[in-house]
Amino acid sequence: MEPQLRVLVAEDELIVGYDLCDTVSEAGYIVEGPFDDLSSAMLAYQKTKPDIAILDVQLGDGIVYPLAEQMMAENVPVIFHSGQLTPEEVAHRFPQAQALTKPCPPAEVIESVQRAAATA
């Protein structure tokens, strides 16, 4: 059996965050989070590097881009999950990342995580 991949979830809307965590966890991944602000997500990232990250663009204390850039620089696949930005806007800024629009059906979240896992 292959080792379980670790997925970090950063989402400032708690219900959405817990929902994402449940979806990813039920699909057999280890979940870290949900973290509702940038500082706690960064701390968690520094403590245990995840295999994949699902990041809301706007967190409680700011925009997630600095963390996303650090993750991508360290080859952690990032999936943006946003209500503000369209997938096209995200793709323009981060061509190597995936983007999901809120609200996102669980099946789409899992597909994105599986695509990311294939590159992790």
N, C-alpha and C. Protein backbone atom coordinates (compact mmCIF):
# COMPACT_ATOMS: atom_id res chain seq x y z
N MET A 1 0.85 -1.20 0.00
CA MET A 1 0.00 0.00 0.00
C MET A 1 0.89 1.25 0.00
N GLU A 2 0.55 2.19 -0.85
CA GLU A 2 1.38 3.39 -0.91
C GLU A 2 1.09 4.29 0.29
N PRO A 3 2.09 5.08 0.69
CA PRO A 3 1.89 5.95 1.86
C PRO A 3 0.82 7.00 1.56
N GLN A 4 0.09 7.38 2.60
CA GLN A 4 -0.96 8.38 2.42
C GLN A 4 -0.33 9.75 2.21
N LEU A 5 -0.90 10.49 1.30
CA LEU A 5 -0.42 11.85 1.06
C LEU A 5 -1.06 12.80 2.06
N ARG A 6 -0.29 13.81 2.43
CA ARG A 6 -0.73 14.82 3.39
C ARG A 6 -1.20 16.06 2.63
N VAL A 7 -2.42 16.52 2.94
CA VAL A 7 -3.00 17.69 2.26
C VAL A 7 -3.25 18.79 3.28
N LEU A 8 -2.65 19.96 3.05
CA LEU A 8 -2.87 21.10 3.92
C LEU A 8 -4.04 21.91 3.36
N VAL A 9 -5.00 22.26 4.23
CA VAL A 9 -6.17 23.04 3.81
C VAL A 9 -6.16 24.38 4.54
N ALA A 10 -6.15 25.47 3.77
CA ALA A 10 -6.25 26.82 4.34
C ALA A 10 -7.50 27.47 3.78
N GLU A 11 -8.44 27.78 4.66
CA GLU A 11 -9.74 28.30 4.26
C GLU A 11 -10.30 29.13 5.42
N ASP A 12 -10.67 30.40 5.15
CA ASP A 12 -11.12 31.24 6.26
C ASP A 12 -12.60 31.08 6.62
N GLU A 13 -13.38 30.47 5.75
CA GLU A 13 -14.78 30.18 6.10
C GLU A 13 -14.80 28.80 6.73
N LEU A 14 -15.02 28.77 8.04
CA LEU A 14 -14.86 27.51 8.76
C LEU A 14 -15.71 26.35 8.25
N ILE A 15 -16.97 26.62 7.93
CA ILE A 15 -17.83 25.54 7.44
C ILE A 15 -17.27 24.97 6.14
N VAL A 16 -16.86 25.85 5.25
CA VAL A 16 -16.27 25.42 3.98
C VAL A 16 -14.98 24.65 4.25
N GLY A 17 -14.18 25.16 5.18
CA GLY A 17 -12.92 24.51 5.53
C GLY A 17 -13.11 23.10 6.05
N TYR A 18 -14.04 22.94 6.98
CA TYR A 18 -14.30 21.60 7.53
C TYR A 18 -14.87 20.66 6.48
N ASP A 19 -15.70 21.23 5.61
CA ASP A 19 -16.28 20.45 4.52
C ASP A 19 -15.18 19.93 3.59
N LEU A 20 -14.25 20.82 3.22
CA LEU A 20 -13.12 20.43 2.38
C LEU A 20 -12.29 19.34 3.06
N CYS A 21 -12.02 19.54 4.35
CA CYS A 21 -11.22 18.57 5.10
C CYS A 21 -11.89 17.20 5.13
N ASP A 22 -13.21 17.20 5.36
CA ASP A 22 -13.95 15.93 5.37
C ASP A 22 -13.87 15.24 4.02
N THR A 23 -14.08 16.01 2.96
CA THR A 23 -14.06 15.47 1.60
C THR A 23 -12.71 14.81 1.31
N VAL A 24 -11.63 15.53 1.62
CA VAL A 24 -10.27 15.04 1.33
C VAL A 24 -9.94 13.84 2.22
N SER A 25 -10.35 13.92 3.47
CA SER A 25 -10.09 12.84 4.42
C SER A 25 -10.83 11.56 4.02
N GLU A 26 -12.09 11.71 3.59
CA GLU A 26 -12.88 10.55 3.17
C GLU A 26 -12.29 9.89 1.93
N ALA A 27 -11.54 10.65 1.15
CA ALA A 27 -10.90 10.10 -0.05
C ALA A 27 -9.59 9.40 0.30
N GLY A 28 -9.25 9.37 1.60
CA GLY A 28 -8.08 8.60 2.02
C GLY A 28 -6.79 9.38 2.21
N TYR A 29 -6.89 10.70 2.29
CA TYR A 29 -5.69 11.52 2.50
C TYR A 29 -5.59 11.94 3.96
N ILE A 30 -4.37 12.24 4.40
CA ILE A 30 -4.17 12.81 5.73
C ILE A 30 -4.38 14.31 5.58
N VAL A 31 -5.19 14.90 6.47
CA VAL A 31 -5.52 16.32 6.34
C VAL A 31 -4.92 17.15 7.47
N GLU A 32 -4.32 18.26 7.10
CA GLU A 32 -3.85 19.26 8.07
C GLU A 32 -4.75 20.47 7.90
N GLY A 33 -5.42 20.88 8.97
CA GLY A 33 -6.26 22.06 8.87
C GLY A 33 -7.70 21.75 9.24
N PRO A 34 -8.61 22.66 8.95
CA PRO A 34 -8.41 23.88 8.15
C PRO A 34 -7.77 25.01 8.96
N PHE A 35 -6.92 25.76 8.29
CA PHE A 35 -6.28 26.93 8.89
C PHE A 35 -7.00 28.15 8.33
N ASP A 36 -7.45 29.05 9.20
CA ASP A 36 -8.24 30.18 8.71
C ASP A 36 -7.42 31.45 8.52
N ASP A 37 -6.14 31.40 8.86
CA ASP A 37 -5.31 32.57 8.57
C ASP A 37 -3.94 32.14 8.06
N LEU A 38 -3.30 33.10 7.42
CA LEU A 38 -2.03 32.86 6.77
C LEU A 38 -0.95 32.43 7.76
N SER A 39 -0.92 33.09 8.93
CA SER A 39 0.15 32.78 9.87
C SER A 39 0.06 31.34 10.38
N SER A 40 -1.14 30.85 10.68
CA SER A 40 -1.24 29.47 11.17
C SER A 40 -0.96 28.47 10.04
N ALA A 41 -1.37 28.80 8.82
CA ALA A 41 -1.09 27.91 7.68
C ALA A 41 0.42 27.85 7.43
N MET A 42 1.10 29.00 7.52
CA MET A 42 2.55 29.03 7.30
C MET A 42 3.27 28.23 8.38
N LEU A 43 2.82 28.39 9.61
CA LEU A 43 3.42 27.65 10.73
C LEU A 43 3.27 26.15 10.52
N ALA A 44 2.08 25.73 10.14
CA ALA A 44 1.82 24.30 9.89
C ALA A 44 2.70 23.80 8.75
N TYR A 45 2.84 24.63 7.71
CA TYR A 45 3.65 24.25 6.56
C TYR A 45 5.12 24.07 6.95
N GLN A 46 5.61 24.97 7.80
CA GLN A 46 7.01 24.88 8.22
C GLN A 46 7.24 23.67 9.12
N LYS A 47 6.22 23.32 9.90
CA LYS A 47 6.35 22.20 10.82
C LYS A 47 6.34 20.86 10.07
N THR A 48 5.38 20.69 9.18
CA THR A 48 5.25 19.45 8.41
C THR A 48 4.91 19.81 6.98
N LYS A 49 5.87 19.61 6.08
CA LYS A 49 5.63 19.94 4.68
C LYS A 49 4.59 18.98 4.10
N PRO A 50 3.47 19.53 3.58
CA PRO A 50 2.45 18.66 3.00
C PRO A 50 2.85 18.20 1.60
N ASP A 51 2.12 17.22 1.08
CA ASP A 51 2.35 16.77 -0.30
C ASP A 51 1.57 17.62 -1.29
N ILE A 52 0.44 18.16 -0.81
CA ILE A 52 -0.48 18.95 -1.64
C ILE A 52 -1.10 20.02 -0.75
N ALA A 53 -1.47 21.17 -1.33
CA ALA A 53 -2.15 22.20 -0.54
C ALA A 53 -3.39 22.69 -1.27
N ILE A 54 -4.46 22.89 -0.51
CA ILE A 54 -5.68 23.52 -1.03
C ILE A 54 -5.77 24.85 -0.29
N LEU A 55 -5.66 25.94 -1.04
CA LEU A 55 -5.58 27.26 -0.42
C LEU A 55 -6.68 28.20 -0.90
N ASP A 56 -7.37 28.79 0.05
CA ASP A 56 -8.29 29.88 -0.29
C ASP A 56 -7.38 31.08 -0.58
N VAL A 57 -7.71 31.87 -1.58
CA VAL A 57 -6.85 33.00 -1.93
C VAL A 57 -6.83 34.05 -0.82
N GLN A 58 -8.01 34.36 -0.25
CA GLN A 58 -8.09 35.38 0.78
C GLN A 58 -8.32 34.73 2.14
N LEU A 59 -7.34 34.81 3.02
CA LEU A 59 -7.49 34.25 4.37
C LEU A 59 -7.77 35.37 5.36
N GLY A 60 -8.01 35.00 6.61
CA GLY A 60 -8.37 35.98 7.63
C GLY A 60 -7.40 37.14 7.76
N ASP A 61 -6.10 36.87 7.56
CA ASP A 61 -5.12 37.94 7.76
C ASP A 61 -4.35 38.30 6.48
N GLY A 62 -4.92 38.00 5.33
CA GLY A 62 -4.25 38.44 4.11
C GLY A 62 -4.36 37.45 2.95
N ILE A 63 -3.70 37.81 1.87
CA ILE A 63 -3.70 37.03 0.64
C ILE A 63 -2.69 35.89 0.78
N VAL A 64 -3.03 34.74 0.24
CA VAL A 64 -2.25 33.52 0.43
C VAL A 64 -1.05 33.40 -0.54
N TYR A 65 -0.89 34.34 -1.46
CA TYR A 65 0.14 34.21 -2.49
C TYR A 65 1.56 33.94 -1.98
N PRO A 66 2.04 34.64 -0.92
CA PRO A 66 3.41 34.37 -0.47
C PRO A 66 3.61 32.91 -0.07
N LEU A 67 2.63 32.34 0.62
CA LEU A 67 2.71 30.94 1.02
C LEU A 67 2.65 30.04 -0.22
N ALA A 68 1.75 30.35 -1.13
CA ALA A 68 1.61 29.55 -2.35
C ALA A 68 2.91 29.56 -3.15
N GLU A 69 3.53 30.73 -3.24
CA GLU A 69 4.79 30.83 -3.99
C GLU A 69 5.89 30.00 -3.34
N GLN A 70 5.95 30.04 -2.00
CA GLN A 70 6.95 29.24 -1.29
C GLN A 70 6.70 27.75 -1.52
N MET A 71 5.43 27.34 -1.44
CA MET A 71 5.10 25.93 -1.65
C MET A 71 5.49 25.47 -3.05
N MET A 72 5.12 26.27 -4.04
CA MET A 72 5.42 25.89 -5.42
C MET A 72 6.93 25.84 -5.66
N ALA A 73 7.65 26.74 -5.01
CA ALA A 73 9.12 26.74 -5.15
C ALA A 73 9.70 25.45 -4.56
N GLU A 74 8.98 24.86 -3.60
CA GLU A 74 9.44 23.61 -2.98
C GLU A 74 8.68 22.40 -3.53
N ASN A 75 8.11 22.58 -4.73
CA ASN A 75 7.43 21.49 -5.45
C ASN A 75 6.23 20.88 -4.75
N VAL A 76 5.50 21.69 -4.00
CA VAL A 76 4.24 21.22 -3.41
C VAL A 76 3.12 21.70 -4.35
N PRO A 77 2.36 20.77 -4.96
CA PRO A 77 1.28 21.19 -5.84
C PRO A 77 0.23 21.98 -5.06
N VAL A 78 -0.21 23.10 -5.65
CA VAL A 78 -1.18 23.97 -5.00
C VAL A 78 -2.48 23.98 -5.80
N ILE A 79 -3.59 23.87 -5.06
CA ILE A 79 -4.92 23.99 -5.64
C ILE A 79 -5.56 25.21 -4.98
N PHE A 80 -5.82 26.25 -5.76
CA PHE A 80 -6.48 27.43 -5.21
C PHE A 80 -7.97 27.16 -5.17
N HIS A 81 -8.63 27.64 -4.11
CA HIS A 81 -10.06 27.43 -3.90
C HIS A 81 -10.60 28.81 -3.55
N SER A 82 -11.25 29.46 -4.53
CA SER A 82 -11.59 30.86 -4.30
C SER A 82 -12.98 31.24 -4.75
N GLY A 83 -13.56 32.15 -4.01
CA GLY A 83 -14.84 32.72 -4.42
C GLY A 83 -14.62 34.04 -5.15
N GLN A 84 -13.42 34.63 -4.99
CA GLN A 84 -13.15 35.94 -5.58
C GLN A 84 -12.55 35.86 -6.98
N LEU A 85 -11.59 34.98 -7.17
CA LEU A 85 -10.88 34.92 -8.44
C LEU A 85 -11.41 33.80 -9.32
N THR A 86 -11.39 34.04 -10.61
CA THR A 86 -11.78 32.97 -11.54
C THR A 86 -10.57 32.08 -11.75
N PRO A 87 -10.81 30.82 -12.15
CA PRO A 87 -9.68 29.94 -12.47
C PRO A 87 -8.74 30.55 -13.51
N GLU A 88 -9.30 31.35 -14.44
CA GLU A 88 -8.46 31.99 -15.46
C GLU A 88 -7.49 33.00 -14.85
N GLU A 89 -8.00 33.77 -13.87
CA GLU A 89 -7.14 34.76 -13.21
C GLU A 89 -6.01 34.07 -12.45
N VAL A 90 -6.36 32.98 -11.78
CA VAL A 90 -5.35 32.23 -11.03
C VAL A 90 -4.33 31.63 -12.01
N ALA A 91 -4.82 31.04 -13.10
CA ALA A 91 -3.94 30.40 -14.09
C ALA A 91 -2.98 31.42 -14.70
N HIS A 92 -3.46 32.67 -14.85
CA HIS A 92 -2.62 33.71 -15.42
C HIS A 92 -1.45 34.00 -14.48
N ARG A 93 -1.73 34.06 -13.18
CA ARG A 93 -0.67 34.38 -12.22
C ARG A 93 0.16 33.15 -11.85
N PHE A 94 -0.50 32.00 -11.73
CA PHE A 94 0.19 30.76 -11.34
C PHE A 94 -0.15 29.66 -12.34
N PRO A 95 0.52 29.66 -13.49
CA PRO A 95 0.17 28.68 -14.53
C PRO A 95 0.33 27.22 -14.08
N GLN A 96 1.18 26.98 -13.10
CA GLN A 96 1.40 25.59 -12.67
C GLN A 96 0.41 25.11 -11.62
N ALA A 97 -0.47 26.00 -11.15
CA ALA A 97 -1.43 25.62 -10.10
C ALA A 97 -2.79 25.29 -10.70
N GLN A 98 -3.59 24.58 -9.92
CA GLN A 98 -4.98 24.32 -10.30
C GLN A 98 -5.85 25.33 -9.57
N ALA A 99 -7.05 25.56 -10.08
CA ALA A 99 -7.96 26.49 -9.41
C ALA A 99 -9.38 25.94 -9.43
N LEU A 100 -10.02 26.05 -8.29
CA LEU A 100 -11.42 25.65 -8.16
C LEU A 100 -12.23 26.86 -7.73
N THR A 101 -13.45 26.98 -8.22
CA THR A 101 -14.32 28.08 -7.85
C THR A 101 -15.26 27.61 -6.74
N LYS A 102 -15.43 28.45 -5.71
CA LYS A 102 -16.38 28.13 -4.64
C LYS A 102 -17.78 28.45 -5.13
N PRO A 103 -18.78 27.71 -4.71
CA PRO A 103 -18.67 26.42 -4.04
C PRO A 103 -18.28 25.34 -5.04
N CYS A 104 -17.51 24.40 -4.59
CA CYS A 104 -17.00 23.38 -5.50
C CYS A 104 -17.54 22.00 -5.08
N PRO A 105 -18.11 21.25 -6.02
CA PRO A 105 -18.61 19.92 -5.68
C PRO A 105 -17.47 19.02 -5.18
N PRO A 106 -17.73 18.19 -4.16
CA PRO A 106 -16.69 17.31 -3.61
C PRO A 106 -15.96 16.48 -4.67
N ALA A 107 -16.69 16.00 -5.67
CA ALA A 107 -16.05 15.18 -6.70
C ALA A 107 -14.96 15.96 -7.44
N GLU A 108 -15.22 17.24 -7.69
CA GLU A 108 -14.22 18.09 -8.37
C GLU A 108 -13.00 18.31 -7.49
N VAL A 109 -13.24 18.49 -6.18
CA VAL A 109 -12.13 18.67 -5.24
C VAL A 109 -11.24 17.43 -5.28
N ILE A 110 -11.85 16.25 -5.21
CA ILE A 110 -11.11 14.98 -5.21
C ILE A 110 -10.34 14.81 -6.52
N GLU A 111 -10.98 15.13 -7.65
CA GLU A 111 -10.28 15.04 -8.94
C GLU A 111 -9.04 15.91 -8.96
N SER A 112 -9.17 17.13 -8.44
CA SER A 112 -8.03 18.06 -8.40
C SER A 112 -6.91 17.50 -7.51
N VAL A 113 -7.30 16.96 -6.36
CA VAL A 113 -6.30 16.40 -5.45
C VAL A 113 -5.62 15.20 -6.10
N GLN A 114 -6.39 14.38 -6.80
CA GLN A 114 -5.79 13.22 -7.48
C GLN A 114 -4.84 13.67 -8.59
N ARG A 115 -5.22 14.72 -9.34
CA ARG A 115 -4.31 15.25 -10.36
C ARG A 115 -3.02 15.75 -9.72
N ALA A 116 -3.18 16.47 -8.60
CA ALA A 116 -2.01 16.99 -7.89
C ALA A 116 -1.16 15.84 -7.35
N ALA A 117 -1.81 14.80 -6.86
CA ALA A 117 -1.09 13.64 -6.30
C ALA A 117 -0.25 12.96 -7.37
N ALA A 118 -0.72 13.00 -8.59
CA ALA A 118 0.01 12.37 -9.69
C ALA A 118 1.34 13.09 -9.94
N THR A 119 1.39 14.38 -9.55
CA THR A 119 2.63 15.13 -9.77
C THR A 119 3.44 15.27 -8.47
N ALA A 120 2.82 14.94 -7.33
CA ALA A 120 3.48 15.13 -6.03
C ALA A 120 4.66 14.19 -5.85
